[in-house]
C-alpha atoms as a PDB file:
ATOM      1  CA  MET A   1     -50.365 -23.701  27.476  1.00  0.00           C
ATOM      2  CA  PHE A   2     -50.761 -27.263  26.101  1.00  0.00           C
ATOM      3  CA  SER A   3     -50.484 -29.103  29.399  1.00  0.00           C
ATOM      4  CA  ASN A   4     -54.174 -30.118  29.503  1.00  0.00           C
ATOM      5  CA  ALA A   5     -54.603 -30.807  25.753  1.00  0.00           C
ATOM      6  CA  ASP A   6     -54.385 -34.069  23.863  1.00  0.00           C
ATOM      7  CA  ALA A   7     -51.011 -34.897  22.252  1.00  0.00           C
ATOM      8  CA  LYS A   8     -52.562 -35.144  18.774  1.00  0.00           C
ATOM      9  CA  ASN A   9     -54.027 -31.654  19.132  1.00  0.00           C
ATOM     10  CA  ILE A  10     -50.669 -30.261  20.254  1.00  0.00           C
ATOM     11  CA  VAL A  11     -48.875 -31.793  17.253  1.00  0.00           C
ATOM     12  CA  SER A  12     -51.534 -30.621  14.769  1.00  0.00           C
ATOM     13  CA  THR A  13     -51.462 -27.081  16.219  1.00  0.00           C
ATOM     14  CA  PHE A  14     -47.679 -27.022  15.939  1.00  0.00           C
ATOM     15  CA  ALA A  15     -47.851 -28.262  12.320  1.00  0.00           C
ATOM     16  CA  GLN A  16     -50.416 -25.590  11.399  1.00  0.00           C
ATOM     17  CA  ASN A  17     -48.244 -22.882  12.971  1.00  0.00           C
ATOM     18  CA  THR A  18     -45.172 -23.980  11.018  1.00  0.00           C
ATOM     19  CA  ILE A  19     -47.131 -24.133   7.736  1.00  0.00           C
ATOM     20  CA  SER A  20     -48.525 -20.632   8.249  1.00  0.00           C
ATOM     21  CA  ALA A  21     -45.049 -19.346   9.151  1.00  0.00           C
ATOM     22  CA  LYS A  22     -43.631 -20.815   5.924  1.00  0.00           C
ATOM     23  CA  GLU A  23     -46.385 -19.197   3.861  1.00  0.00           C
ATOM     24  CA  GLU A  24     -45.680 -15.818   5.439  1.00  0.00           C
ATOM     25  CA  SER A  25     -41.968 -16.178   4.763  1.00  0.00           C
ATOM     26  CA  LYS A  26     -42.619 -16.899   1.074  1.00  0.00           C
ATOM     27  CA  VAL A  27     -42.520 -13.245   0.139  1.00  0.00           C
ATOM     28  CA  THR A  28     -41.786 -12.649  -3.519  1.00  0.00           C
ATOM     29  CA  ALA A  29     -38.424 -11.119  -4.258  1.00  0.00           C
ATOM     30  CA  PRO A  30     -38.586  -7.525  -5.466  1.00  0.00           C
ATOM     31  CA  SER A  31     -38.197  -7.058  -9.184  1.00  0.00           C
ATOM     32  CA  LYS A  32     -34.708  -6.325 -10.431  1.00  0.00           C
ATOM     33  CA  VAL A  33     -34.028  -2.606 -10.547  1.00  0.00           C
ATOM     34  CA  THR A  34     -32.916  -1.430 -13.981  1.00  0.00           C
ATOM     35  CA  GLN A  35     -32.688   2.311 -13.482  1.00  0.00           C
ATOM     36  CA  PHE A  36     -31.746   4.938 -10.962  1.00  0.00           C
ATOM     37  CA  SER A  37     -34.369   7.078  -9.262  1.00  0.00           C
ATOM     38  CA  THR A  38     -33.469   9.836 -11.734  1.00  0.00           C
ATOM     39  CA  GLY A  39     -34.555   7.658 -14.655  1.00  0.00           C
ATOM     40  CA  ILE A  40     -31.085   6.812 -15.951  1.00  0.00           C
ATOM     41  CA  LYS A  41     -30.952   3.170 -16.943  1.00  0.00           C
ATOM     42  CA  PHE A  42     -28.025   0.963 -16.095  1.00  0.00           C
ATOM     43  CA  THR A  43     -27.227  -2.333 -17.720  1.00  0.00           C
ATOM     44  CA  ARG A  44     -24.196  -4.473 -18.363  1.00  0.00           C
ATOM     45  CA  GLN A  45     -24.289  -3.529 -22.038  1.00  0.00           C
ATOM     46  CA  SER A  46     -23.153   0.008 -21.305  1.00  0.00           C
ATOM     47  CA  LEU A  47     -20.146  -1.332 -19.419  1.00  0.00           C
ATOM     48  CA  GLN A  48     -19.138  -3.590 -22.297  1.00  0.00           C
ATOM     49  CA  SER A  49     -19.274  -0.838 -24.907  1.00  0.00           C
ATOM     50  CA  HIS A  50     -16.067   0.690 -23.554  1.00  0.00           C
ATOM     51  CA  SER A  51     -13.029  -1.298 -24.534  1.00  0.00           C
ATOM     52  CA  THR A  52     -10.007  -1.335 -22.287  1.00  0.00           C
ATOM     53  CA  GLN A  53      -6.666  -0.330 -23.670  1.00  0.00           C
ATOM     54  CA  LYS A  54      -3.850  -2.792 -23.380  1.00  0.00           C
ATOM     55  CA  LEU A  55      -0.880  -1.221 -21.678  1.00  0.00           C
ATOM     56  CA  GLU A  56       2.500  -2.186 -22.994  1.00  0.00           C
ATOM     57  CA  ASP A  57       5.278  -2.664 -20.487  1.00  0.00           C
ATOM     58  CA  GLY A  58       8.382  -0.617 -20.948  1.00  0.00           C
ATOM     59  CA  PRO A  59      11.914  -1.871 -20.504  1.00  0.00           C
ATOM     60  CA  LEU A  60      12.904  -3.194 -17.094  1.00  0.00           C
ATOM     61  CA  TYR A  61      14.781  -0.887 -14.744  1.00  0.00           C
ATOM     62  CA  THR A  62      18.527  -1.363 -14.602  1.00  0.00           C
ATOM     63  CA  TYR A  63      20.664   0.441 -12.065  1.00  0.00           C
ATOM     64  CA  VAL A  64      23.485   2.543 -13.444  1.00  0.00           C
ATOM     65  CA  THR A  65      26.103   3.648 -10.957  1.00  0.00           C
ATOM     66  CA  PRO A  66      26.509   7.436 -11.154  1.00  0.00           C
ATOM     67  CA  VAL A  67      29.885   8.718 -12.328  1.00  0.00           C
ATOM     68  CA  PHE A  68      30.916  12.054 -10.861  1.00  0.00           C
ATOM     69  CA  GLU A  69      33.442  14.343 -12.491  1.00  0.00           C
ATOM     70  CA  ARG A  70      35.683  15.405  -9.679  1.00  0.00           C
ATOM     71  CA  ASN A  71      37.744  18.556 -10.196  1.00  0.00           C
ATOM     72  CA  GLY A  72      39.733  18.314  -7.022  1.00  0.00           C
ATOM     73  CA  PRO A  73      42.065  16.178  -4.957  1.00  0.00           C
ATOM     74  CA  GLU A  74      41.480  12.508  -4.243  1.00  0.00           C
ATOM     75  CA  ILE A  75      38.991  12.031  -1.437  1.00  0.00           C
ATOM     76  CA  ALA A  76      39.877   9.881   1.557  1.00  0.00           C
ATOM     77  CA  ASN A  77      38.471   6.359   1.473  1.00  0.00           C
ATOM     78  CA  TRP A  78      36.492   4.678   4.259  1.00  0.00           C
ATOM     79  CA  SER A  79      39.526   3.235   6.012  1.00  0.00           C
ATOM     80  CA  ASP A  80      41.277   6.653   6.031  1.00  0.00           C
ATOM     81  CA  ILE A  81      38.259   8.187   7.742  1.00  0.00           C
ATOM     82  CA  PHE A  82      38.755   5.800  10.661  1.00  0.00           C
ATOM     83  CA  THR A  83      42.572   5.785  10.850  1.00  0.00           C
ATOM     84  CA  LYS A  84      43.455   9.428  10.171  1.00  0.00           C
ATOM     85  CA  GLY A  85      41.162  10.977  12.779  1.00  0.00           C
ATOM     86  CA  PHE A  86      38.562  12.589  10.520  1.00  0.00           C
ATOM     87  CA  LEU A  87      35.784  11.484  12.870  1.00  0.00           C
ATOM     88  CA  SER A  88      37.140  13.564  15.757  1.00  0.00           C
ATOM     89  CA  HIS A  89      35.641  16.618  14.023  1.00  0.00           C
ATOM     90  CA  MET A  90      32.221  15.042  13.448  1.00  0.00           C
ATOM     91  CA  LYS A  91      29.178  15.049  15.711  1.00  0.00           C
ATOM     92  CA  ALA A  92      28.391  11.554  16.968  1.00  0.00           C
ATOM     93  CA  ALA A  93      25.159  10.044  15.653  1.00  0.00           C
ATOM     94  CA  THR A  94      22.217  10.043  18.059  1.00  0.00           C
ATOM     95  CA  THR A  95      20.196   6.935  18.818  1.00  0.00           C
ATOM     96  CA  GLU A  96      17.422   8.056  16.461  1.00  0.00           C
ATOM     97  CA  GLU A  97      19.884   8.745  13.644  1.00  0.00           C
ATOM     98  CA  SER A  98      21.556   5.373  14.148  1.00  0.00           C
ATOM     99  CA  ALA A  99      18.155   3.675  13.996  1.00  0.00           C
ATOM    100  CA  GLY A 100      17.621   5.321  10.608  1.00  0.00           C
ATOM    101  CA  GLY A 101      20.959   4.033   9.306  1.00  0.00           C
ATOM    102  CA  TYR A 102      22.960   7.253   9.651  1.00  0.00           C
ATOM    103  CA  THR A 103      26.491   7.097  11.017  1.00  0.00           C
ATOM    104  CA  ALA A 104      29.116   9.764  11.584  1.00  0.00           C
ATOM    105  CA  GLN A 105      31.235   8.100   8.864  1.00  0.00           C
ATOM    106  CA  ILE A 106      28.543   8.817   6.259  1.00  0.00           C
ATOM    107  CA  GLY A 107      28.399  12.474   7.266  1.00  0.00           C
ATOM    108  CA  CYS A 108      32.176  12.757   7.174  1.00  0.00           C
ATOM    109  CA  MET A 109      32.426  11.175   3.714  1.00  0.00           C
ATOM    110  CA  ARG A 110      29.720  13.472   2.382  1.00  0.00           C
ATOM    111  CA  ALA A 111      31.453  16.559   3.794  1.00  0.00           C
ATOM    112  CA  LEU A 112      34.752  15.494   2.216  1.00  0.00           C
ATOM    113  CA  GLN A 113      33.082  14.916  -1.155  1.00  0.00           C
ATOM    114  CA  GLU A 114      31.328  18.280  -1.111  1.00  0.00           C
ATOM    115  CA  ALA A 115      34.559  20.035  -0.150  1.00  0.00           C
ATOM    116  CA  GLY A 116      36.595  18.287  -2.848  1.00  0.00           C
ATOM    117  CA  PHE A 117      34.262  18.579  -5.842  1.00  0.00           C
ATOM    118  CA  GLY A 118      34.992  21.588  -7.976  1.00  0.00           C
ATOM    119  CA  LEU A 119      37.929  22.709  -5.854  1.00  0.00           C
ATOM    120  CA  PHE A 120      40.150  23.083  -8.925  1.00  0.00           C
ATOM    121  CA  SER A 121      37.351  24.258 -11.210  1.00  0.00           C
ATOM    122  CA  ALA A 122      38.154  27.085 -13.604  1.00  0.00           C
ATOM    123  CA  HIS A 123      34.648  28.549 -13.674  1.00  0.00           C
END
């Protein structure tokens, strides 16, 4: 395109093109919108008119170990479950149950607790 033209003409043409491109890019920014298309105005003042309520923290959580009233015989402890053969009557835990933390010992202890609570109750 410019192969036959003088170098000064090429540079001046390039300069004119860049100046005209800058003028075209100087588009004025649109005015700031202050209302919705429905006519409702929105400003920061309306947001500041609502005060926020300060929430007060309650007391911190403390764990209290539950105490159960047992009306029955003493329940076997964990070592008795292993040594006295209680687990021979329990279904073995599957791989999925073991992955979730369940063991046959937990099921056995729960069954013993449920059987022993309220056994001697007078109700």
